[in-house]
Protein backbone atom coordinates (compact mmCIF):
# COMPACT_ATOMS: atom_id res chain seq x y z
CA MET A 1 31.02 -166.95 59.39
CA THR A 2 28.30 -167.37 56.77
CA PRO A 3 28.28 -170.80 55.10
CA PRO A 4 29.54 -170.70 51.53
CA PRO A 5 26.85 -170.18 48.91
CA ALA A 6 26.01 -172.75 46.28
CA PRO A 7 27.75 -170.95 43.41
CA PHE A 8 26.91 -173.21 40.51
CA TYR A 9 23.16 -172.80 40.10
CA PRO A 10 20.74 -170.09 39.04
CA PHE A 11 18.45 -168.98 41.84
CA GLY A 12 15.68 -171.41 40.97
CA ARG A 13 18.01 -174.35 41.64
CA SER A 14 19.94 -173.10 44.66
CA THR A 15 20.34 -175.11 47.83
CA GLY A 16 18.93 -172.36 50.03
CA HIS A 17 21.87 -169.98 50.16
CA GLY A 18 21.17 -166.86 48.22
CA PRO A 19 20.72 -163.14 48.37
CA ASP A 20 19.60 -161.40 51.54
CA ILE A 21 17.36 -159.10 49.53
CA ASP A 22 14.76 -159.79 46.87
CA LEU A 23 16.21 -159.53 43.41
CA HIS A 24 14.38 -158.18 40.40
CA PRO A 25 13.15 -161.22 38.41
CA GLN A 26 15.43 -160.39 35.47
CA LEU A 27 18.50 -160.37 37.72
CA ALA A 28 17.40 -163.65 39.28
CA ARG A 29 16.93 -165.17 35.80
CA ASP A 30 20.16 -163.91 34.28
CA GLY A 31 22.51 -164.16 37.25
CA LEU A 32 24.34 -167.04 38.86
CA TRP A 33 24.76 -166.58 42.62
CA LEU A 34 28.38 -166.18 43.74
CA GLY A 35 28.03 -164.78 47.25
CA ARG A 36 28.08 -161.72 49.44
CA LEU A 37 30.68 -158.97 49.47
CA SER A 38 30.84 -156.27 52.14
CA ALA A 39 27.82 -154.27 50.90
CA CYS A 40 26.53 -156.13 47.84
CA GLN A 41 25.17 -159.42 46.63
CA LEU A 42 27.37 -160.78 43.83
CA LEU A 43 26.16 -162.49 40.67
CA LEU A 44 27.87 -163.82 37.58
CA MET A 45 25.98 -162.90 34.44
CA ASN A 46 25.11 -166.14 32.68
CA ASP A 47 26.66 -165.07 29.38
CA SER A 48 29.84 -166.97 28.57
CA ARG A 49 30.90 -164.41 25.96
CA TYR A 50 32.14 -162.01 28.65
CA PRO A 51 33.51 -162.25 32.20
CA TRP A 52 30.66 -160.21 33.73
CA LEU A 53 29.83 -159.59 37.37
CA ILE A 54 26.75 -157.89 38.77
CA LEU A 55 26.69 -156.28 42.21
CA VAL A 56 23.39 -155.56 43.94
CA PRO A 57 23.61 -153.32 47.03
CA ASN A 58 22.18 -154.81 50.23
CA GLN A 59 19.13 -152.60 50.51
CA GLU A 60 15.66 -152.94 49.06
CA GLY A 61 14.04 -150.17 47.05
CA LEU A 62 17.11 -148.54 45.50
CA THR A 63 17.02 -147.52 41.84
CA ASP A 64 19.89 -145.01 41.55
CA PHE A 65 23.28 -144.33 43.15
CA ASP A 66 22.11 -141.11 44.81
CA GLN A 67 19.66 -143.21 46.88
CA LEU A 68 22.43 -145.23 48.53
CA PRO A 69 22.48 -144.54 52.25
CA GLU A 70 25.76 -143.03 53.43
CA ARG A 71 26.49 -146.10 55.51
CA LEU A 72 26.53 -148.29 52.35
CA MET A 73 28.51 -145.96 50.05
CA PRO A 74 32.03 -146.94 51.17
CA GLY A 75 31.19 -150.65 51.05
CA VAL A 76 29.61 -150.47 47.60
CA HIS A 77 32.62 -148.54 46.29
CA GLU A 78 34.98 -151.10 47.84
CA ASP A 79 32.97 -153.98 46.37
CA ILE A 80 33.17 -152.41 42.89
CA ARG A 81 36.93 -151.96 43.26
CA HIS A 82 37.41 -155.50 44.62
CA ALA A 83 35.32 -157.13 41.85
CA SER A 84 37.04 -155.01 39.19
CA GLN A 85 40.49 -156.03 40.42
CA ALA A 86 39.48 -159.69 40.46
CA LEU A 87 38.33 -159.52 36.83
CA ARG A 88 41.48 -157.61 35.85
CA ASN A 89 43.78 -160.11 37.59
CA LEU A 90 42.01 -163.20 36.26
CA PHE A 91 41.36 -162.14 32.67
CA GLN A 92 43.72 -159.23 31.80
CA PRO A 93 41.01 -157.39 29.82
CA ASP A 94 41.71 -154.56 27.41
CA LYS A 95 39.04 -152.52 29.22
CA LEU A 96 36.74 -152.84 32.22
CA ASN A 97 33.22 -151.50 31.78
CA VAL A 98 31.50 -150.46 35.02
CA ALA A 99 27.92 -149.29 34.67
CA ALA A 100 24.62 -148.92 36.48
CA LEU A 101 21.96 -148.25 33.88
CA GLY A 102 18.63 -149.52 35.18
CA ASN A 103 16.62 -148.76 32.07
CA VAL A 104 15.28 -152.34 31.90
CA VAL A 105 15.89 -153.52 35.48
CA PRO A 106 15.08 -150.66 37.87
CA GLN A 107 16.67 -152.26 40.95
CA LEU A 108 20.08 -150.65 41.52
CA HIS A 109 22.74 -153.02 40.27
CA ILE A 110 26.25 -152.47 38.98
CA HIS A 111 27.68 -154.30 35.97
CA ILE A 112 31.42 -154.96 35.84
CA ILE A 113 32.37 -156.43 32.48
CA ALA A 114 35.82 -157.48 31.31
CA ARG A 115 36.05 -156.42 27.65
CA PHE A 116 38.49 -157.49 24.98
CA CYS A 117 39.24 -156.01 21.56
CA GLN A 118 38.32 -159.38 20.05
CA ASP A 119 35.09 -160.01 22.01
CA ALA A 120 31.75 -160.52 20.25
CA ALA A 121 30.49 -156.97 20.82
CA TRP A 122 33.69 -154.88 20.71
CA PRO A 123 33.71 -151.89 20.65
CA LYS A 124 29.96 -151.60 21.15
CA PRO A 125 28.14 -152.07 24.46
CA VAL A 126 27.23 -155.67 25.28
CA TRP A 127 23.53 -154.92 25.86
CA GLY A 128 21.10 -156.00 23.17
CA LEU A 129 23.67 -156.84 20.52
CA LEU A 130 23.65 -160.64 20.87
CA PRO A 131 21.46 -162.92 22.96
CA PRO A 132 23.25 -164.29 26.05
CA LEU A 133 25.20 -167.50 25.52
CA PRO A 134 24.73 -169.39 28.82
CA TYR A 135 27.66 -171.22 30.37
CA ALA A 136 27.88 -174.98 29.96
CA GLU A 137 27.72 -176.69 33.38
CA LYS A 138 31.42 -177.62 33.48
CA ARG A 139 32.48 -174.14 32.35
CA VAL A 140 30.27 -172.38 34.90
CA GLN A 141 31.75 -174.51 37.67
CA GLU A 142 35.28 -173.59 36.57
CA GLN A 143 34.44 -169.90 36.15
CA THR A 144 32.63 -169.55 39.47
CA ALA A 145 35.37 -171.42 41.33
CA ARG A 146 38.05 -169.12 39.87
CA LEU A 147 36.01 -165.99 40.63
CA CYS A 148 35.12 -167.08 44.16
CA ALA A 149 38.78 -167.83 44.89
CA ALA A 150 39.90 -164.46 43.48
CA LEU A 151 37.23 -162.66 45.51
CA GLY A 152 37.88 -164.58 48.73
CA LEU A 153 34.43 -166.17 48.76
CA GLY A 154 33.84 -169.61 50.23
């Protein structure tokens, strides 16, 4: 069994546990490491306005879904479903947004965002509307612990 990751720190401050693949610098800057799912690395977007997970498939050089090798497709789909259900169960959102855009960050990554009718961006997309509001240390510890428990990590 893989030792549990250090879930409370951005990549620059980790204790050595981290992704198996190189992450685009923007993902590494914006994401808080949560762990590994069956086919993806899992990050929490460091924006406390929204419960927001990012999945990065475990293969270098991917930019779009059609480049996923067949062997990874079922696992990536399962990871999206698993992460979506965790957000739904923990937060009871009005809507789940699942997207892989890649216009700014070309590395294939999937956003799963719990959205609420009263959130800061509703009903617009979350991208570019407001600057990220990073988690306070205590809040990030609580949030990552809840998410890791719901996802069966660590």
